[in-house]
Every structure is written in C-alpha cells, then in structure tokens.
Amino acid sequence: YSDSALVAASGIEAGQNMFLFNKFTAINQIFAEHPYLDEIIIRRRLPDTVEIIVTEAEPVAVLKSESRYTKPAAKSGEEDSYTTREEYFLIDMKGKLLEKADSGTGHSLPIVEGTSLNNPEVGKYAVFADEQKQKPLFLVLNSVKDHDILPNIGFIDISEIYNISFGYLERFEVRLGTTDNLAYKLQGMDEIVRKLTDNDRGIIDVSSSDTIRFIP
C-alpha cells in the first residue's frame, strides 16, 4: 500500500487540530480498506506531525472453505436461513482473511482442506464452524514455518483433528495423527526423508510417537 493511500484512508488532514482527531477511528478506517495490514500504530509528534506506522500481514496458506452464510429471517418468529458455497481465502498466521481467491491454485502456499467458515469476510478473522479445528491448524502452520518447511507443503488436511496430514515435497503424504509431540514428529519425518532417494514416494506415518514408518 502506498503512503498516500494509507493517509487518505485515515481521514487525517493537514490543518486539523493535533488532539481532536480520534486515533481509533482512523485506525479502523485504514483497516477497513487495507486487509493486508496486521498492525497499525498512530503517534502524535509535537508540534505538528502525525506518524502512521503499519506492519503488513503475511499470507501463509489458502483456506478451502465450505462457507456458510446466514440470512436473517424476514419476520419475527421465523427461523434464519443459510446458504453454502465453496470458497478460497488467503489467511495469515493469526487467521485473518486477507483476500478471496478464485481457486486453490496459482499460489505457492499450502491449501488447507477440511474446513468450513461461518459468514467469512475479507479483512476479518476466520470463524470456524468447528471451533476444535482452529487450534490444531495454527499449531501445524506455526510448527512447519518454524521448521522452515512451509514452502515445501502442498496441502494440509484437517478434516479429522485426530488424523491430520499434509503433502510434502510433492512426493510424500505425512500423517501426523494429532498435534501431540509435533516437533518430535517433524524431526522423525526429517530422519526418514534423509534416508530416502529423490525417486522415493509414499506415506510417512509419524502419527505414533513409538513407531515412525515409511510406506512406499
């Protein structure tokens, strides 16, 4: 985003009183028009300067969602109705929906499968229909990023939180099971991959902490 676009969105103009404008209103206005921002700080610098400091959000995955949209009842006493549709959203590590995508392709980001969102909106945080999937998903995303393998992951499947899996190096399906002992499981995966050739393909099963297996 350009400096001029951020300043315009803030609504702060030259000639205004330094103490009468509302910082929180300005921040909300900037966020509303610029979903790829993670943090905004506005500071007054006497005698005549206002600083707008922004941190940009970083997309980490494409979320494939069977989105559910609520349509409020037209009359009192009637039940709300719902519509569903398949959608794709770019998300950051905090679960903010940064952008709507036409499909899961065309991005060098893993596709997250097995999720459903309630009333998703770009610039807002994802509301998972199954709240139990949120924590495991971001545990996996944080762990693979810390492990420096996020660019090598093609998909993450959280259809079942006790049977999570992801695609790795376009050659392997890594079965994590649950997110218990996640760092240990990723280390075990590394050990197996180092012993294999570039032509090996198959399933790396690290779902058990006792036995790590490669299934060609």
C-alpha atoms as a PDB file:
ATOM      1  CA  TYR A   1       0.000   0.000   0.000  1.00  0.00           C
ATOM      2  CA  SER A   2       1.228   3.487  -0.813  1.00  0.00           C
ATOM      3  CA  ASP A   3       1.766   6.121   1.867  1.00  0.00           C
ATOM      4  CA  SER A   4      -0.809   8.374   0.235  1.00  0.00           C
ATOM      5  CA  ALA A   5      -3.473   5.644   0.237  1.00  0.00           C
ATOM      6  CA  LEU A   6      -2.981   4.979   3.956  1.00  0.00           C
ATOM      7  CA  VAL A   7      -3.093   8.680   4.808  1.00  0.00           C
ATOM      8  CA  ALA A   8      -6.252   9.177   2.747  1.00  0.00           C
ATOM      9  CA  ALA A   9      -7.965   6.222   4.434  1.00  0.00           C
ATOM     10  CA  SER A  10      -7.130   7.591   7.894  1.00  0.00           C
ATOM     11  CA  GLY A  11      -9.160  10.725   7.270  1.00  0.00           C
ATOM     12  CA  ILE A  12      -6.425  12.842   8.925  1.00  0.00           C
ATOM     13  CA  GLU A  13      -5.762  16.054   7.008  1.00  0.00           C
ATOM     14  CA  ALA A  14      -3.351  18.957   7.230  1.00  0.00           C
ATOM     15  CA  GLY A  15      -4.849  21.797   9.246  1.00  0.00           C
ATOM     16  CA  GLN A  16      -6.691  19.585  11.749  1.00  0.00           C
ATOM     17  CA  ASN A  17      -6.190  20.039  15.467  1.00  0.00           C
ATOM     18  CA  MET A  18      -3.499  17.583  16.667  1.00  0.00           C
ATOM     19  CA  PHE A  19      -5.546  16.484  19.668  1.00  0.00           C
ATOM     20  CA  LEU A  20      -9.112  16.450  18.375  1.00  0.00           C
ATOM     21  CA  PHE A  21      -8.953  13.676  15.792  1.00  0.00           C
ATOM     22  CA  ASN A  22      -9.770  10.144  17.026  1.00  0.00           C
ATOM     23  CA  LYS A  23      -6.840   7.760  16.609  1.00  0.00           C
ATOM     24  CA  PHE A  24      -9.014   4.658  16.963  1.00  0.00           C
ATOM     25  CA  THR A  25     -11.444   5.810  14.293  1.00  0.00           C
ATOM     26  CA  ALA A  26      -8.532   6.494  11.945  1.00  0.00           C
ATOM     27  CA  ILE A  27      -7.046   3.044  12.607  1.00  0.00           C
ATOM     28  CA  ASN A  28     -10.374   1.318  11.978  1.00  0.00           C
ATOM     29  CA  GLN A  29     -10.826   3.229   8.725  1.00  0.00           C
ATOM     30  CA  ILE A  30      -7.387   2.175   7.498  1.00  0.00           C
ATOM     31  CA  PHE A  31      -8.021  -1.470   8.432  1.00  0.00           C
ATOM     32  CA  ALA A  32     -11.382  -1.436   6.644  1.00  0.00           C
ATOM     33  CA  GLU A  33      -9.784  -0.526   3.300  1.00  0.00           C
ATOM     34  CA  HIS A  34      -6.488  -2.422   3.656  1.00  0.00           C
ATOM     35  CA  PRO A  35      -6.939  -6.056   4.757  1.00  0.00           C
ATOM     36  CA  TYR A  36      -3.248  -6.901   4.238  1.00  0.00           C
ATOM     37  CA  LEU A  37      -2.288  -4.902   7.340  1.00  0.00           C
ATOM     38  CA  ASP A  38      -1.550  -6.733  10.578  1.00  0.00           C
ATOM     39  CA  GLU A  39      -0.932  -3.816  12.925  1.00  0.00           C
ATOM     40  CA  ILE A  40      -1.401  -0.028  12.830  1.00  0.00           C
ATOM     41  CA  ILE A  41       0.002   2.489  15.314  1.00  0.00           C
ATOM     42  CA  ILE A  42      -0.721   6.228  15.178  1.00  0.00           C
ATOM     43  CA  ARG A  43       1.504   8.599  17.154  1.00  0.00           C
ATOM     44  CA  ARG A  44       1.355  12.341  17.665  1.00  0.00           C
ATOM     45  CA  ARG A  45       4.742  14.068  17.364  1.00  0.00           C
ATOM     46  CA  LEU A  46       4.631  17.628  18.625  1.00  0.00           C
ATOM     47  CA  PRO A  47       4.428  20.248  17.388  1.00  0.00           C
ATOM     48  CA  ASP A  48       2.867  19.355  14.035  1.00  0.00           C
ATOM     49  CA  THR A  49       3.406  15.730  12.951  1.00  0.00           C
ATOM     50  CA  VAL A  50       1.342  12.551  12.976  1.00  0.00           C
ATOM     51  CA  GLU A  51       3.059   9.203  12.344  1.00  0.00           C
ATOM     52  CA  ILE A  52       1.182   6.212  10.924  1.00  0.00           C
ATOM     53  CA  ILE A  53       3.221   3.038  11.483  1.00  0.00           C
ATOM     54  CA  VAL A  54       1.981  -0.147   9.813  1.00  0.00           C
ATOM     55  CA  THR A  55       3.012  -3.798   9.800  1.00  0.00           C
ATOM     56  CA  GLU A  56       1.862  -5.822   6.809  1.00  0.00           C
ATOM     57  CA  ALA A  57       0.230  -9.235   7.143  1.00  0.00           C
ATOM     58  CA  GLU A  58       1.896 -12.236   5.512  1.00  0.00           C
ATOM     59  CA  PRO A  59      -0.238 -14.912   3.804  1.00  0.00           C
ATOM     60  CA  VAL A  60       0.723 -18.419   4.949  1.00  0.00           C
ATOM     61  CA  ALA A  61      -1.977 -20.642   3.434  1.00  0.00           C
ATOM     62  CA  VAL A  62      -5.030 -20.825   1.175  1.00  0.00           C
ATOM     63  CA  LEU A  63      -8.079 -21.919   3.135  1.00  0.00           C
ATOM     64  CA  LYS A  64     -10.606 -24.001   1.214  1.00  0.00           C
ATOM     65  CA  SER A  65     -13.954 -23.470   2.902  1.00  0.00           C
ATOM     66  CA  GLU A  66     -17.474 -24.767   2.617  1.00  0.00           C
ATOM     67  CA  SER A  67     -18.645 -21.339   3.707  1.00  0.00           C
ATOM     68  CA  ARG A  68     -21.975 -20.949   5.459  1.00  0.00           C
ATOM     69  CA  TYR A  69     -23.759 -17.601   5.178  1.00  0.00           C
ATOM     70  CA  THR A  70     -26.624 -16.647   7.452  1.00  0.00           C
ATOM     71  CA  LYS A  71     -29.691 -14.922   6.022  1.00  0.00           C
ATOM     72  CA  PRO A  72     -31.736 -13.372   8.863  1.00  0.00           C
ATOM     73  CA  ALA A  73     -35.428 -14.220   8.980  1.00  0.00           C
ATOM     74  CA  ALA A  74     -37.685 -11.710   7.273  1.00  0.00           C
ATOM     75  CA  LYS A  75     -40.299 -11.862  10.032  1.00  0.00           C
ATOM     76  CA  SER A  76     -40.232 -12.292  13.774  1.00  0.00           C
ATOM     77  CA  GLY A  77     -40.743 -15.909  14.778  1.00  0.00           C
ATOM     78  CA  GLU A  78     -39.326 -17.313  11.539  1.00  0.00           C
ATOM     79  CA  GLU A  79     -36.013 -19.177  11.536  1.00  0.00           C
ATOM     80  CA  ASP A  80     -32.877 -17.833   9.875  1.00  0.00           C
ATOM     81  CA  SER A  81     -31.940 -19.474   6.577  1.00  0.00           C
ATOM     82  CA  TYR A  82     -28.497 -20.441   5.330  1.00  0.00           C
ATOM     83  CA  THR A  83     -26.638 -20.689   2.045  1.00  0.00           C
ATOM     84  CA  THR A  84     -23.375 -22.550   1.497  1.00  0.00           C
ATOM     85  CA  ARG A  85     -20.729 -22.307  -1.189  1.00  0.00           C
ATOM     86  CA  GLU A  86     -17.174 -23.435  -1.773  1.00  0.00           C
ATOM     87  CA  GLU A  87     -14.660 -20.596  -1.440  1.00  0.00           C
ATOM     88  CA  TYR A  88     -10.930 -19.994  -1.095  1.00  0.00           C
ATOM     89  CA  PHE A  89      -9.292 -17.389   1.148  1.00  0.00           C
ATOM     90  CA  LEU A  90      -5.684 -16.387   1.749  1.00  0.00           C
ATOM     91  CA  ILE A  91      -5.047 -16.306   5.502  1.00  0.00           C
ATOM     92  CA  ASP A  92      -2.238 -15.128   7.755  1.00  0.00           C
ATOM     93  CA  MET A  93      -0.847 -16.836  10.849  1.00  0.00           C
ATOM     94  CA  LYS A  94      -3.451 -15.150  13.053  1.00  0.00           C
ATOM     95  CA  GLY A  95      -6.369 -16.411  10.972  1.00  0.00           C
ATOM     96  CA  LYS A  96      -7.160 -13.121   9.241  1.00  0.00           C
ATOM     97  CA  LEU A  97      -8.799 -13.457   5.818  1.00  0.00           C
ATOM     98  CA  LEU A  98      -6.577 -11.344   3.592  1.00  0.00           C
ATOM     99  CA  GLU A  99      -8.014 -11.956   0.162  1.00  0.00           C
ATOM    100  CA  LYS A 100     -10.530 -14.099  -1.688  1.00  0.00           C
ATOM    101  CA  ALA A 101      -9.033 -16.394  -4.326  1.00  0.00           C
ATOM    102  CA  ASP A 102     -10.657 -17.907  -7.398  1.00  0.00           C
ATOM    103  CA  SER A 103      -9.243 -21.336  -6.530  1.00  0.00           C
ATOM    104  CA  GLY A 104      -6.512 -23.027  -4.531  1.00  0.00           C
ATOM    105  CA  THR A 105      -4.135 -22.991  -7.489  1.00  0.00           C
ATOM    106  CA  GLY A 106      -1.829 -20.204  -8.617  1.00  0.00           C
ATOM    107  CA  HIS A 107      -0.334 -19.650  -5.167  1.00  0.00           C
ATOM    108  CA  SER A 108       2.891 -21.021  -3.700  1.00  0.00           C
ATOM    109  CA  LEU A 109       1.043 -21.672  -0.452  1.00  0.00           C
ATOM    110  CA  PRO A 110      -0.391 -24.855   1.083  1.00  0.00           C
ATOM    111  CA  ILE A 111      -4.114 -25.460   0.601  1.00  0.00           C
ATOM    112  CA  VAL A 112      -5.940 -26.154   3.854  1.00  0.00           C
ATOM    113  CA  GLU A 113      -8.683 -28.736   3.326  1.00  0.00           C
ATOM    114  CA  GLY A 114     -11.472 -29.936   5.587  1.00  0.00           C
ATOM    115  CA  THR A 115     -12.707 -26.625   6.979  1.00  0.00           C
ATOM    116  CA  SER A 116     -15.927 -24.657   6.988  1.00  0.00           C
ATOM    117  CA  LEU A 117     -16.296 -20.978   7.899  1.00  0.00           C
ATOM    118  CA  ASN A 118     -19.299 -19.060   9.153  1.00  0.00           C
ATOM    119  CA  ASN A 119     -20.036 -15.780   7.323  1.00  0.00           C
ATOM    120  CA  PRO A 120     -16.433 -15.207   6.148  1.00  0.00           C
ATOM    121  CA  GLU A 121     -15.451 -11.637   5.261  1.00  0.00           C
ATOM    122  CA  VAL A 122     -12.156 -10.349   3.858  1.00  0.00           C
ATOM    123  CA  GLY A 123     -10.353  -8.245   6.460  1.00  0.00           C
ATOM    124  CA  LYS A 124     -11.979 -10.120   9.343  1.00  0.00           C
ATOM    125  CA  TYR A 125     -10.767 -13.151  11.286  1.00  0.00           C
ATOM    126  CA  ALA A 126     -11.936 -16.618  10.288  1.00  0.00           C
ATOM    127  CA  VAL A 127     -14.800 -18.067  12.314  1.00  0.00           C
ATOM    128  CA  PHE A 128     -14.608 -21.845  12.062  1.00  0.00           C
ATOM    129  CA  ALA A 129     -17.855 -23.781  12.055  1.00  0.00           C
ATOM    130  CA  ASP A 130     -15.988 -26.449  14.022  1.00  0.00           C
ATOM    131  CA  GLU A 131     -14.035 -24.447  16.598  1.00  0.00           C
ATOM    132  CA  GLN A 132     -11.972 -27.509  17.531  1.00  0.00           C
ATOM    133  CA  LYS A 133     -10.143 -27.313  14.187  1.00  0.00           C
ATOM    134  CA  GLN A 134      -8.766 -23.814  14.684  1.00  0.00           C
ATOM    135  CA  LYS A 135      -6.092 -24.532  17.288  1.00  0.00           C
ATOM    136  CA  PRO A 136      -4.660 -27.671  15.564  1.00  0.00           C
ATOM    137  CA  LEU A 137      -4.497 -25.876  12.202  1.00  0.00           C
ATOM    138  CA  PHE A 138      -2.461 -22.958  13.503  1.00  0.00           C
ATOM    139  CA  LEU A 139      -0.279 -25.263  15.597  1.00  0.00           C
ATOM    140  CA  VAL A 140       0.629 -27.103  12.399  1.00  0.00           C
ATOM    141  CA  LEU A 141       1.160 -23.890  10.414  1.00  0.00           C
ATOM    142  CA  ASN A 142       3.367 -22.380  13.113  1.00  0.00           C
ATOM    143  CA  SER A 143       5.345 -25.585  13.539  1.00  0.00           C
ATOM    144  CA  VAL A 144       6.082 -26.126   9.845  1.00  0.00           C
ATOM    145  CA  LYS A 145       7.025 -22.463   9.490  1.00  0.00           C
ATOM    146  CA  ASP A 146       9.393 -22.668  12.467  1.00  0.00           C
ATOM    147  CA  HIS A 147      10.748 -25.904  10.971  1.00  0.00           C
ATOM    148  CA  ASP A 148      11.403 -23.935   7.763  1.00  0.00           C
ATOM    149  CA  ILE A 149       9.405 -26.287   5.517  1.00  0.00           C
ATOM    150  CA  LEU A 150       6.270 -24.247   4.831  1.00  0.00           C
ATOM    151  CA  PRO A 151       7.222 -23.612   1.146  1.00  0.00           C
ATOM    152  CA  ASN A 152       7.519 -27.398   0.622  1.00  0.00           C
ATOM    153  CA  ILE A 153       3.989 -28.211   1.778  1.00  0.00           C
ATOM    154  CA  GLY A 154       1.261 -28.629  -0.833  1.00  0.00           C
ATOM    155  CA  PHE A 155      -1.781 -29.245   1.343  1.00  0.00           C
ATOM    156  CA  ILE A 156      -2.856 -29.625   4.960  1.00  0.00           C
ATOM    157  CA  ASP A 157      -5.887 -31.822   5.629  1.00  0.00           C
ATOM    158  CA  ILE A 158      -7.677 -31.211   8.938  1.00  0.00           C
ATOM    159  CA  SER A 159     -10.919 -32.977   8.060  1.00  0.00           C
ATOM    160  CA  GLU A 160     -10.350 -35.027  11.231  1.00  0.00           C
ATOM    161  CA  ILE A 161      -8.344 -33.389  14.029  1.00  0.00           C
ATOM    162  CA  TYR A 162      -7.095 -36.780  15.227  1.00  0.00           C
ATOM    163  CA  ASN A 163      -5.919 -37.725  11.715  1.00  0.00           C
ATOM    164  CA  ILE A 164      -4.177 -34.605  10.351  1.00  0.00           C
ATOM    165  CA  SER A 165      -1.953 -34.977   7.300  1.00  0.00           C
ATOM    166  CA  PHE A 166      -0.034 -32.818   4.846  1.00  0.00           C
ATOM    167  CA  GLY A 167       1.655 -33.135   1.468  1.00  0.00           C
ATOM    168  CA  TYR A 168       5.418 -32.690   1.483  1.00  0.00           C
ATOM    169  CA  LEU A 169       7.925 -32.117  -1.345  1.00  0.00           C
ATOM    170  CA  GLU A 170       5.266 -33.197  -3.886  1.00  0.00           C
ATOM    171  CA  ARG A 171       6.288 -36.795  -3.107  1.00  0.00           C
ATOM    172  CA  PHE A 172       5.058 -37.640   0.362  1.00  0.00           C
ATOM    173  CA  GLU A 173       1.894 -37.682   2.420  1.00  0.00           C
ATOM    174  CA  VAL A 174       2.872 -37.080   6.032  1.00  0.00           C
ATOM    175  CA  ARG A 175       0.378 -38.480   8.544  1.00  0.00           C
ATOM    176  CA  LEU A 176       0.624 -36.570  11.813  1.00  0.00           C
ATOM    177  CA  GLY A 177      -2.366 -38.010  13.643  1.00  0.00           C
ATOM    178  CA  THR A 178      -2.913 -35.422  16.377  1.00  0.00           C
ATOM    179  CA  THR A 179      -0.764 -32.371  17.127  1.00  0.00           C
ATOM    180  CA  ASP A 180       0.759 -34.041  20.196  1.00  0.00           C
ATOM    181  CA  ASN A 181       4.604 -34.080  20.162  1.00  0.00           C
ATOM    182  CA  LEU A 182       4.543 -32.158  16.878  1.00  0.00           C
ATOM    183  CA  ALA A 183       8.201 -31.065  16.956  1.00  0.00           C
ATOM    184  CA  TYR A 184       9.306 -34.653  17.599  1.00  0.00           C
ATOM    185  CA  LYS A 185       7.148 -35.914  14.726  1.00  0.00           C
ATOM    186  CA  LEU A 186       8.646 -33.402  12.286  1.00  0.00           C
ATOM    187  CA  GLN A 187      12.149 -34.425  13.343  1.00  0.00           C
ATOM    188  CA  GLY A 188      11.228 -38.055  12.704  1.00  0.00           C
ATOM    189  CA  MET A 189       9.954 -37.099   9.261  1.00  0.00           C
ATOM    190  CA  ASP A 190      13.290 -35.394   8.527  1.00  0.00           C
ATOM    191  CA  GLU A 191      15.211 -38.515   9.514  1.00  0.00           C
ATOM    192  CA  ILE A 192      13.201 -40.691   7.144  1.00  0.00           C
ATOM    193  CA  VAL A 193      13.466 -38.248   4.219  1.00  0.00           C
ATOM    194  CA  ARG A 194      17.262 -38.060   4.615  1.00  0.00           C
ATOM    195  CA  LYS A 195      17.479 -41.851   4.214  1.00  0.00           C
ATOM    196  CA  LEU A 196      15.364 -41.916   1.033  1.00  0.00           C
ATOM    197  CA  THR A 197      16.324 -41.200  -2.561  1.00  0.00           C
ATOM    198  CA  ASP A 198      14.873 -38.432  -4.723  1.00  0.00           C
ATOM    199  CA  ASN A 199      12.763 -41.041  -6.515  1.00  0.00           C
ATOM    200  CA  ASP A 200      11.055 -42.412  -3.420  1.00  0.00           C
ATOM    201  CA  ARG A 201       7.396 -41.554  -2.976  1.00  0.00           C
ATOM    202  CA  GLY A 202       4.836 -42.662  -0.413  1.00  0.00           C
ATOM    203  CA  ILE A 203       3.419 -42.174   3.053  1.00  0.00           C
ATOM    204  CA  ILE A 204       5.459 -41.076   6.064  1.00  0.00           C
ATOM    205  CA  ASP A 205       3.499 -42.094   9.144  1.00  0.00           C
ATOM    206  CA  VAL A 206       4.589 -40.238  12.280  1.00  0.00           C
ATOM    207  CA  SER A 207       1.211 -40.451  13.999  1.00  0.00           C
ATOM    208  CA  SER A 208       2.665 -42.697  16.715  1.00  0.00           C
ATOM    209  CA  SER A 209       5.475 -41.442  18.935  1.00  0.00           C
ATOM    210  CA  ASP A 210       6.712 -45.021  19.305  1.00  0.00           C
ATOM    211  CA  THR A 211       6.979 -46.062  15.651  1.00  0.00           C
ATOM    212  CA  ILE A 212       7.798 -43.937  12.595  1.00  0.00           C
ATOM    213  CA  ARG A 213       7.153 -45.691   9.277  1.00  0.00           C
ATOM    214  CA  PHE A 214       7.649 -45.104   5.573  1.00  0.00           C
ATOM    215  CA  ILE A 215       5.140 -46.828   3.288  1.00  0.00           C
ATOM    216  CA  PRO A 216       6.279 -46.777  -0.381  1.00  0.00           C
END
